[in-house]
Amino acid sequence: MGAPTPDHTAVIAAPGTGLRYGRVTGYLRHDPVRFGPRRGRVRRWLYAAVGGTTEDGTTVVAGAAVARLGPVVVAFAYATVGERTLTFEARGTVSSARTVGPTPREGASFHRRDARLELAGDGALDLWAATPQGLLEVRGRTAIDVLPVVLVTATSGGGWNVTEKAAGTAASLELAIGGEQVLVPDASGWRDWTAGRQDRRTTWRWAAGAGRATDGARVGLNASTGMNGVAEGEDLLWVDGHPRPLRLDTLAPADEDALAGPWYVRGSGTQLDLSPLGQRSRREQLGPIVSEYTQPIGRWHGTVPAGGDDTLEVELVGVAEDHRAVW
């Protein structure tokens, strides 16, 4: 499959009718804030990650995000190389150097003296950041994109949320850690662009990753409970760029008291387990805004549906996340 063509547009609104709730495939090309109900604060973010395995068998994952939460901006970057993890965290107020685009295609950026993060709408990464573990430089490039999926939902507290997800893109990844070069020419990527007027108190769990099946097919995963946990939700599988829904019933850590440990995803034809190599975790408060999360980083392995009663055996790099926000 080649890259999606420009006519793959996700239609989420009609003149005079507001947002259309539901799930559609395609690229989101219009700012949903123009069409959604105006109650509540607007929040937007873009998260992108790329990972794979080096020639010597080392697992490598790198990612970054920029989030605009009303007047506050939060940004992070990370890289896990084997069992070594570097993390950068920053927060501040909105300025011309910190932005999330009104649509995914416009990407996101965060600039400061100790960091420069550039995230493209197709999941490409270009960043450098001074971390407590040393200088981190990342260049991730998307070689073949996949067809995104856009989900429009109403939240339980009267808000709304629009998210564009894509996983399983073909990519390349270059890292420099304190001057040491790490190359992953055959990598895979996933991304999450979200905007909305979400509920003041919001929780979610998320699983995402990308890689290959044992038969060579490119595979991407996105699963979530909480904010978008509706009947037609964002539990999705991409196989060679084509998205299809997953029927899942469980997304959870193996031990609720060890959120940074192993996680699992279960459902019809799906049996995936995350073996963590590193983690990001933080609890921060910026005035009335509170964010508390744990995100283990590692490898998903197991089976996913292949159609009918068949399954695909897959190995993916990826993450899980438990997040609680008061914003």
Protein backbone atom coordinates (compact mmCIF):
# COMPACT_ATOMS: atom_id res chain seq x y z
CA MET A 1 0.00 0.00 0.00
CA GLY A 2 1.28 3.48 -0.83
CA ALA A 3 0.71 6.66 1.14
CA PRO A 4 -2.90 7.85 1.56
CA THR A 5 -3.94 10.25 -1.19
CA PRO A 6 -4.93 13.88 -0.54
CA ASP A 7 -8.64 13.17 -1.04
CA HIS A 8 -8.75 11.08 2.14
CA THR A 9 -10.50 13.78 4.19
CA ALA A 10 -12.34 13.03 7.42
CA VAL A 11 -15.66 14.91 7.36
CA ILE A 12 -16.67 15.66 10.95
CA ALA A 13 -19.05 18.62 10.50
CA ALA A 14 -21.69 19.90 8.15
CA PRO A 15 -22.75 23.54 7.62
CA GLY A 16 -25.17 24.61 10.32
CA THR A 17 -25.24 21.23 12.09
CA GLY A 18 -22.12 21.23 14.26
CA LEU A 19 -19.93 18.20 14.93
CA ARG A 20 -20.87 14.78 13.64
CA TYR A 21 -20.23 12.29 16.41
CA GLY A 22 -18.74 8.97 15.40
CA ARG A 23 -15.68 7.47 13.73
CA VAL A 24 -14.44 8.11 10.20
CA THR A 25 -11.23 7.44 8.27
CA GLY A 26 -9.16 10.18 6.69
CA TYR A 27 -7.18 13.28 7.51
CA LEU A 28 -8.73 15.95 9.73
CA ARG A 29 -8.41 19.18 7.74
CA HIS A 30 -10.65 21.58 9.67
CA ASP A 31 -10.30 22.92 13.21
CA PRO A 32 -13.02 21.11 15.22
CA VAL A 33 -13.17 23.97 17.73
CA ARG A 34 -14.98 25.99 15.04
CA PHE A 35 -17.87 23.51 15.08
CA GLY A 36 -18.08 22.12 18.61
CA PRO A 37 -20.13 23.39 21.55
CA ARG A 38 -18.44 26.32 23.28
CA ARG A 39 -18.78 25.24 26.89
CA GLY A 40 -15.45 24.67 28.68
CA ARG A 41 -11.77 25.30 28.01
CA VAL A 42 -10.10 24.27 24.75
CA ARG A 43 -7.24 21.79 25.06
CA ARG A 44 -5.06 20.44 22.23
CA TRP A 45 -2.07 18.16 21.96
CA LEU A 46 0.10 16.24 19.52
CA TYR A 47 2.04 13.15 20.56
CA ALA A 48 4.34 11.32 18.14
CA ALA A 49 6.69 8.38 18.63
CA VAL A 50 8.97 6.19 16.52
CA GLY A 51 10.74 2.98 17.44
CA GLY A 52 12.22 -0.30 16.35
CA THR A 53 15.22 -2.56 16.75
CA THR A 54 18.86 -1.88 15.90
CA GLU A 55 21.03 -4.34 14.00
CA ASP A 56 22.39 -5.69 17.28
CA GLY A 57 18.85 -6.34 18.61
CA THR A 58 18.51 -3.33 20.92
CA THR A 59 14.99 -1.96 21.31
CA VAL A 60 14.80 1.80 20.72
CA VAL A 61 11.77 4.07 21.24
CA ALA A 62 11.68 7.87 21.04
CA GLY A 63 8.74 10.22 21.37
CA ALA A 64 7.60 13.71 22.21
CA ALA A 65 4.45 15.74 22.78
CA VAL A 66 3.30 19.33 23.06
CA ALA A 67 0.02 20.06 24.85
CA ARG A 68 -1.78 23.38 25.09
CA LEU A 69 -4.13 23.29 28.07
CA GLY A 70 -5.81 26.68 28.00
CA PRO A 71 -3.13 29.21 29.03
CA VAL A 72 -0.63 26.51 30.00
CA VAL A 73 1.71 24.57 27.70
CA VAL A 74 3.28 21.24 28.65
CA ALA A 75 5.96 19.52 26.56
CA PHE A 76 8.02 16.37 26.93
CA ALA A 77 10.48 14.21 25.02
CA TYR A 78 11.95 10.81 25.80
CA ALA A 79 14.08 8.05 24.40
CA THR A 80 14.51 4.48 25.60
CA VAL A 81 17.54 2.60 24.28
CA GLY A 82 17.64 -0.89 25.72
CA GLU A 83 17.10 -0.36 29.44
CA ARG A 84 18.33 3.24 29.41
CA THR A 85 15.73 6.03 29.35
CA LEU A 86 16.25 9.78 28.94
CA THR A 87 13.41 12.21 29.66
CA PHE A 88 12.78 15.92 29.20
CA GLU A 89 9.81 17.70 30.81
CA ALA A 90 8.83 21.36 30.49
CA ARG A 91 5.88 23.61 31.19
CA GLY A 92 5.09 27.25 30.78
CA THR A 93 2.64 29.75 29.37
CA VAL A 94 1.55 30.16 25.77
CA SER A 95 3.91 32.13 23.55
CA SER A 96 4.83 32.28 19.88
CA ALA A 97 7.52 29.68 20.54
CA ARG A 98 5.06 27.12 21.94
CA THR A 99 2.12 26.02 19.87
CA VAL A 100 -0.15 23.18 18.77
CA GLY A 101 -1.69 23.60 15.33
CA PRO A 102 -5.48 23.89 14.87
CA THR A 103 -5.32 20.74 12.70
CA PRO A 104 -2.93 17.78 12.77
CA ARG A 105 -1.26 18.81 9.49
CA GLU A 106 0.12 21.95 11.14
CA GLY A 107 2.03 19.97 13.74
CA ALA A 108 3.31 21.31 17.05
CA SER A 109 6.44 22.96 18.42
CA PHE A 110 8.08 23.96 21.66
CA HIS A 111 11.18 26.18 21.80
CA ARG A 112 13.26 27.08 24.82
CA ARG A 113 16.93 27.69 25.53
CA ASP A 114 17.42 24.09 26.63
CA ALA A 115 15.18 22.41 24.06
CA ARG A 116 13.66 22.59 20.61
CA LEU A 117 10.85 20.21 19.73
CA GLU A 118 9.29 20.04 16.25
CA LEU A 119 6.50 17.54 15.62
CA ALA A 120 4.99 17.16 12.16
CA GLY A 121 1.44 16.13 11.37
CA ASP A 122 2.60 12.82 9.84
CA GLY A 123 4.41 11.85 13.05
CA ALA A 124 7.91 13.01 12.06
CA LEU A 125 10.13 14.20 14.92
CA ASP A 126 13.01 16.65 14.96
CA LEU A 127 14.22 17.62 18.42
CA TRP A 128 17.04 18.20 20.79
CA ALA A 129 16.72 18.59 24.55
CA ALA A 130 18.99 18.84 27.56
CA THR A 131 17.85 16.02 29.86
CA PRO A 132 19.13 15.12 33.35
CA GLN A 133 20.68 12.05 31.70
CA GLY A 134 22.49 13.98 28.94
CA LEU A 135 21.82 15.77 25.66
CA LEU A 136 19.21 14.01 23.53
CA GLU A 137 18.81 14.52 19.78
CA VAL A 138 16.13 12.73 17.77
CA ARG A 139 15.30 12.68 14.08
CA GLY A 140 12.39 10.45 13.10
CA ARG A 141 11.11 10.39 9.53
CA THR A 142 7.92 8.84 8.13
CA ALA A 143 8.60 6.86 4.95
CA ILE A 144 5.08 5.51 4.32
CA ASP A 145 2.06 6.91 6.13
CA VAL A 146 -1.12 5.03 7.03
CA LEU A 147 -4.76 6.08 6.71
CA PRO A 148 -5.67 7.91 9.95
CA VAL A 149 -8.88 7.43 11.90
CA VAL A 150 -10.78 10.36 13.42
CA LEU A 151 -13.12 9.91 16.38
CA VAL A 152 -15.62 12.55 17.56
CA THR A 153 -17.21 11.91 20.95
CA ALA A 154 -19.32 13.60 23.59
CA THR A 155 -17.87 13.29 27.10
CA SER A 156 -19.81 12.22 30.17
CA GLY A 157 -19.60 15.68 31.77
CA GLY A 158 -21.04 17.58 28.82
CA GLY A 159 -17.83 18.27 26.90
CA TRP A 160 -16.58 16.90 23.60
CA ASN A 161 -13.40 15.50 22.12
CA VAL A 162 -11.94 15.01 18.62
CA THR A 163 -8.90 12.83 18.07
CA GLU A 164 -6.96 11.69 14.98
CA LYS A 165 -4.95 8.52 15.50
CA ALA A 166 -2.55 6.64 13.24
CA ALA A 167 -0.17 3.74 13.95
CA GLY A 168 2.02 1.44 11.94
CA THR A 169 3.70 4.03 9.71
CA ALA A 170 6.98 2.98 8.10
CA ALA A 171 9.77 5.22 9.43
CA SER A 172 13.45 5.71 10.13
CA LEU A 173 14.98 6.85 13.41
CA GLU A 174 18.29 8.47 14.32
CA LEU A 175 19.28 9.28 17.90
CA ALA A 176 22.27 10.95 19.45
CA ILE A 177 22.72 10.53 23.20
CA GLY A 178 25.65 12.54 24.49
CA GLY A 179 27.18 12.28 21.03
CA GLU A 180 26.66 8.50 20.73
CA GLN A 181 24.75 7.66 17.53
CA VAL A 182 21.93 5.11 17.41
CA LEU A 183 20.33 4.18 14.07
CA VAL A 184 17.08 2.31 13.36
CA PRO A 185 16.60 2.40 9.57
CA ASP A 186 13.54 0.09 9.63
CA ALA A 187 11.41 1.73 12.32
CA SER A 188 7.67 2.23 12.86
CA GLY A 189 5.66 5.15 14.20
CA TRP A 190 2.40 6.12 15.85
CA ARG A 191 0.75 9.44 16.68
CA ASP A 192 -2.15 11.12 18.48
CA TRP A 193 -3.58 14.57 17.72
CA THR A 194 -6.42 15.62 20.03
CA ALA A 195 -8.51 18.75 20.54
CA GLY A 196 -11.68 19.49 22.42
CA ARG A 197 -13.41 20.92 25.44
CA GLN A 198 -12.93 17.89 27.64
CA ASP A 199 -14.37 17.47 31.13
CA ARG A 200 -12.65 19.26 34.00
CA ARG A 201 -11.78 15.89 35.53
CA THR A 202 -10.68 13.34 32.94
CA THR A 203 -9.03 9.93 33.21
CA TRP A 204 -7.88 7.50 30.58
CA ARG A 205 -5.79 4.45 29.87
CA TRP A 206 -4.02 4.09 26.56
CA ALA A 207 -2.02 1.50 24.66
CA ALA A 208 -0.20 2.22 21.40
CA GLY A 209 2.60 0.79 19.34
CA ALA A 210 3.87 -0.22 15.93
CA GLY A 211 5.98 -2.92 14.34
CA ARG A 212 5.49 -6.03 12.27
CA ALA A 213 3.73 -9.35 12.21
CA THR A 214 5.77 -12.51 11.77
CA ASP A 215 4.58 -12.65 8.14
CA GLY A 216 6.17 -9.23 7.51
CA ALA A 217 3.01 -7.08 7.53
CA ARG A 218 3.32 -3.62 9.06
CA VAL A 219 1.09 -3.39 12.15
CA GLY A 220 -0.08 -0.51 14.34
CA LEU A 221 -2.10 -0.53 17.57
CA ASN A 222 -4.23 2.05 19.38
CA ALA A 223 -6.50 1.23 22.30
CA SER A 224 -8.05 3.37 25.01
CA THR A 225 -10.51 3.44 27.87
CA GLY A 226 -11.88 6.49 29.65
CA MET A 227 -12.23 9.70 27.67
CA ASN A 228 -13.14 8.04 24.38
CA GLY A 229 -14.40 4.77 25.81
CA VAL A 230 -17.62 4.64 23.82
CA ALA A 231 -19.21 1.84 21.79
CA GLU A 232 -17.59 3.07 18.59
CA GLY A 233 -14.31 4.04 20.15
CA GLU A 234 -10.63 4.22 19.32
CA ASP A 235 -9.69 0.56 19.70
CA LEU A 236 -8.00 0.13 16.35
CA LEU A 237 -5.54 -2.02 14.43
CA TRP A 238 -3.67 -1.04 11.26
CA VAL A 239 -2.35 -3.78 8.97
CA ASP A 240 -0.22 -2.54 6.07
CA GLY A 241 -1.76 0.90 6.47
CA HIS A 242 -5.41 -0.14 6.53
CA PRO A 243 -7.31 0.55 9.79
CA ARG A 244 -9.84 -1.84 11.24
CA PRO A 245 -11.74 -1.85 14.57
CA LEU A 246 -10.73 -4.09 17.44
CA ARG A 247 -13.17 -5.69 19.87
CA LEU A 248 -11.45 -5.34 23.23
CA ASP A 249 -12.62 -5.93 26.78
CA THR A 250 -9.47 -5.34 28.88
CA LEU A 251 -6.66 -2.78 28.92
CA ALA A 252 -4.90 -2.81 32.27
CA PRO A 253 -1.64 -3.23 34.18
CA ALA A 254 -0.89 -6.71 35.41
CA ASP A 255 -0.72 -5.21 38.93
CA GLU A 256 -2.77 -2.12 39.79
CA ASP A 257 -0.13 -1.22 42.38
CA ALA A 258 2.67 -1.35 39.78
CA LEU A 259 1.57 0.88 36.90
CA ALA A 260 5.11 0.99 35.48
CA GLY A 261 5.20 -2.80 35.21
CA PRO A 262 3.73 -5.16 32.59
CA TRP A 263 0.37 -4.36 30.95
CA TYR A 264 -1.99 -6.44 28.86
CA VAL A 265 -4.69 -5.96 26.23
CA ARG A 266 -7.35 -8.63 25.71
CA GLY A 267 -10.29 -9.03 23.37
CA SER A 268 -11.69 -11.03 20.49
CA GLY A 269 -8.59 -12.42 18.76
CA THR A 270 -6.31 -10.05 20.71
CA GLN A 271 -3.83 -11.15 23.35
CA LEU A 272 -1.05 -8.61 23.80
CA ASP A 273 1.42 -8.15 26.64
CA LEU A 274 3.76 -5.21 27.25
CA SER A 275 7.23 -5.96 28.60
CA PRO A 276 8.55 -2.60 29.90
CA LEU A 277 12.12 -1.41 29.39
CA GLY A 278 11.69 2.13 30.73
CA GLN A 279 9.04 4.54 31.92
CA ARG A 280 7.86 8.12 32.22
CA SER A 281 5.92 9.07 35.33
CA ARG A 282 5.09 12.37 36.92
CA ARG A 283 2.67 14.26 39.09
CA GLU A 284 2.61 17.97 38.44
CA GLN A 285 0.43 20.88 39.45
CA LEU A 286 0.32 24.22 37.66
CA GLY A 287 -2.19 26.35 39.52
CA PRO A 288 -5.57 24.65 39.12
CA ILE A 289 -4.19 22.14 36.58
CA VAL A 290 -3.10 18.74 37.88
CA SER A 291 -1.65 15.96 35.73
CA GLU A 292 -0.64 12.57 37.11
CA TYR A 293 0.52 9.81 34.79
CA THR A 294 2.61 6.68 34.44
CA GLN A 295 3.72 5.53 30.98
CA PRO A 296 5.77 2.32 30.69
CA ILE A 297 7.77 2.01 27.44
CA GLY A 298 8.74 -1.30 25.89
CA ARG A 299 7.60 -4.10 23.60
CA TRP A 300 4.10 -5.43 22.92
CA HIS A 301 4.01 -9.06 21.84
CA GLY A 302 1.21 -11.52 21.19
CA THR A 303 -1.61 -11.94 18.70
CA VAL A 304 -4.17 -9.72 16.96
CA PRO A 305 -7.09 -10.61 14.65
CA ALA A 306 -6.27 -11.37 11.03
CA GLY A 307 -9.83 -11.90 9.79
CA GLY A 308 -12.24 -14.73 10.44
CA ASP A 309 -10.85 -17.02 13.12
CA ASP A 310 -7.22 -16.37 12.14
CA THR A 311 -4.73 -14.34 14.14
CA LEU A 312 -1.45 -12.58 13.44
CA GLU A 313 1.55 -12.95 15.74
CA VAL A 314 3.11 -9.52 16.24
CA GLU A 315 6.06 -7.77 17.87
CA LEU A 316 5.57 -4.05 18.42
CA VAL A 317 7.46 -1.30 20.19
CA GLY A 318 5.13 0.94 22.15
CA VAL A 319 3.72 2.32 25.36
CA ALA A 320 0.89 2.03 27.84
CA GLU A 321 -0.42 4.86 29.96
CA ASP A 322 -2.52 5.57 33.03
CA HIS A 323 -3.46 9.25 33.23
CA ARG A 324 -5.55 11.37 35.59
CA ALA A 325 -6.06 15.06 34.84
CA VAL A 326 -7.79 17.96 36.55
CA TRP A 327 -7.61 20.77 34.02
